C-alpha atoms as a PDB file:
ATOM      1  CA  MET A   1      85.102  48.158  78.889  1.00  0.00           C
ATOM      2  CA  PHE A   2      84.629  51.628  80.370  1.00  0.00           C
ATOM      3  CA  GLN A   3      86.621  53.253  77.541  1.00  0.00           C
ATOM      4  CA  ARG A   4      84.516  51.442  74.953  1.00  0.00           C
ATOM      5  CA  LEU A   5      81.384  52.856  76.597  1.00  0.00           C
ATOM      6  CA  ILE A   6      82.804  56.389  76.541  1.00  0.00           C
ATOM      7  CA  ALA A   7      83.849  55.975  72.898  1.00  0.00           C
ATOM      8  CA  SER A   8      80.380  54.814  71.879  1.00  0.00           C
ATOM      9  CA  ILE A   9      78.787  57.739  73.752  1.00  0.00           C
ATOM     10  CA  ARG A  10      81.111  60.187  71.971  1.00  0.00           C
ATOM     11  CA  GLU A  11      80.308  58.570  68.631  1.00  0.00           C
ATOM     12  CA  PHE A  12      76.603  58.883  69.363  1.00  0.00           C
ATOM     13  CA  ILE A  13      76.934  62.563  70.315  1.00  0.00           C
ATOM     14  CA  ASP A  14      78.978  63.261  67.169  1.00  0.00           C
ATOM     15  CA  GLY A  15      76.266  61.568  65.117  1.00  0.00           C
ATOM     16  CA  VAL A  16      73.577  63.667  66.788  1.00  0.00           C
ATOM     17  CA  ARG A  17      75.531  66.871  66.071  1.00  0.00           C
ATOM     18  CA  GLY A  18      75.933  65.846  62.438  1.00  0.00           C
ATOM     19  CA  GLU A  19      72.217  65.191  62.047  1.00  0.00           C
ATOM     20  CA  LEU A  20      71.288  68.469  63.748  1.00  0.00           C
ATOM     21  CA  LYS A  21      73.367  70.337  61.150  1.00  0.00           C
ATOM     22  CA  LYS A  22      71.078  68.871  58.455  1.00  0.00           C
ATOM     23  CA  VAL A  23      67.888  70.090  60.127  1.00  0.00           C
ATOM     24  CA  SER A  24      66.195  73.148  58.659  1.00  0.00           C
ATOM     25  CA  PHE A  25      64.023  74.978  61.137  1.00  0.00           C
ATOM     26  CA  PRO A  26      61.024  77.010  59.930  1.00  0.00           C
ATOM     27  CA  SER A  27      61.183  80.766  59.925  1.00  0.00           C
ATOM     28  CA  LYS A  28      59.062  82.864  62.260  1.00  0.00           C
ATOM     29  CA  ALA A  29      56.601  83.660  59.451  1.00  0.00           C
ATOM     30  CA  GLU A  30      56.227  79.968  58.539  1.00  0.00           C
ATOM     31  CA  THR A  31      55.646  79.041  62.178  1.00  0.00           C
ATOM     32  CA  ILE A  32      52.993  81.732  62.617  1.00  0.00           C
ATOM     33  CA  GLY A  33      51.290  80.710  59.354  1.00  0.00           C
ATOM     34  CA  ALA A  34      51.193  77.026  60.263  1.00  0.00           C
ATOM     35  CA  THR A  35      49.931  77.796  63.773  1.00  0.00           C
ATOM     36  CA  THR A  36      47.176  79.982  62.343  1.00  0.00           C
ATOM     37  CA  VAL A  37      46.076  77.211  59.990  1.00  0.00           C
ATOM     38  CA  VAL A  38      45.935  74.705  62.853  1.00  0.00           C
ATOM     39  CA  ILE A  39      43.936  77.046  65.111  1.00  0.00           C
ATOM     40  CA  VAL A  40      41.442  77.911  62.345  1.00  0.00           C
ATOM     41  CA  PHE A  41      41.028  74.226  61.469  1.00  0.00           C
ATOM     42  CA  CYS A  42      40.419  73.337  65.135  1.00  0.00           C
ATOM     43  CA  ILE A  43      37.787  76.070  65.456  1.00  0.00           C
ATOM     44  CA  LEU A  44      36.023  74.975  62.263  1.00  0.00           C
ATOM     45  CA  MET A  45      36.039  71.311  63.281  1.00  0.00           C
ATOM     46  CA  SER A  46      34.713  72.107  66.749  1.00  0.00           C
ATOM     47  CA  LEU A  47      31.871  74.128  65.219  1.00  0.00           C
ATOM     48  CA  TYR A  48      31.103  71.324  62.753  1.00  0.00           C
ATOM     49  CA  LEU A  49      31.134  68.635  65.453  1.00  0.00           C
ATOM     50  CA  SER A  50      29.003  70.769  67.754  1.00  0.00           C
ATOM     51  CA  MET A  51      26.468  71.298  64.975  1.00  0.00           C
ATOM     52  CA  MET A  52      26.399  67.592  64.104  1.00  0.00           C
ATOM     53  CA  ASP A  53      25.979  66.678  67.781  1.00  0.00           C
ATOM     54  CA  SER A  54      23.033  69.063  68.072  1.00  0.00           C
ATOM     55  CA  VAL A  55      21.382  67.762  64.897  1.00  0.00           C
ATOM     56  CA  LEU A  56      21.854  64.114  65.793  1.00  0.00           C
ATOM     57  CA  GLY A  57      20.682  64.757  69.369  1.00  0.00           C
ATOM     58  CA  TRP A  58      17.547  66.476  68.061  1.00  0.00           C
ATOM     59  CA  LEU A  59      16.973  63.609  65.615  1.00  0.00           C
ATOM     60  CA  MET A  60      17.336  60.994  68.343  1.00  0.00           C
ATOM     61  CA  ARG A  61      14.860  62.857  70.585  1.00  0.00           C
ATOM     62  CA  LYS A  62      12.347  62.845  67.712  1.00  0.00           C
ATOM     63  CA  VAL A  63      12.840  59.112  67.061  1.00  0.00           C
ATOM     64  CA  ILE A  64      12.638  58.081  70.729  1.00  0.00           C
END
């Protein structure tokens, strides 16, 4: 039973190593580019949501 457990663990680790060989990691330039896009998008969305919150808050104060 114990040897079967060790054999299945070894098989799992061999499978993980095989899959990791198929992985293609992004280059430094691709990582920096993608990070820049995410940061710019977050800034733009926060500005948009802040503006919409201000407008809707102003509108609600006028209605109430």
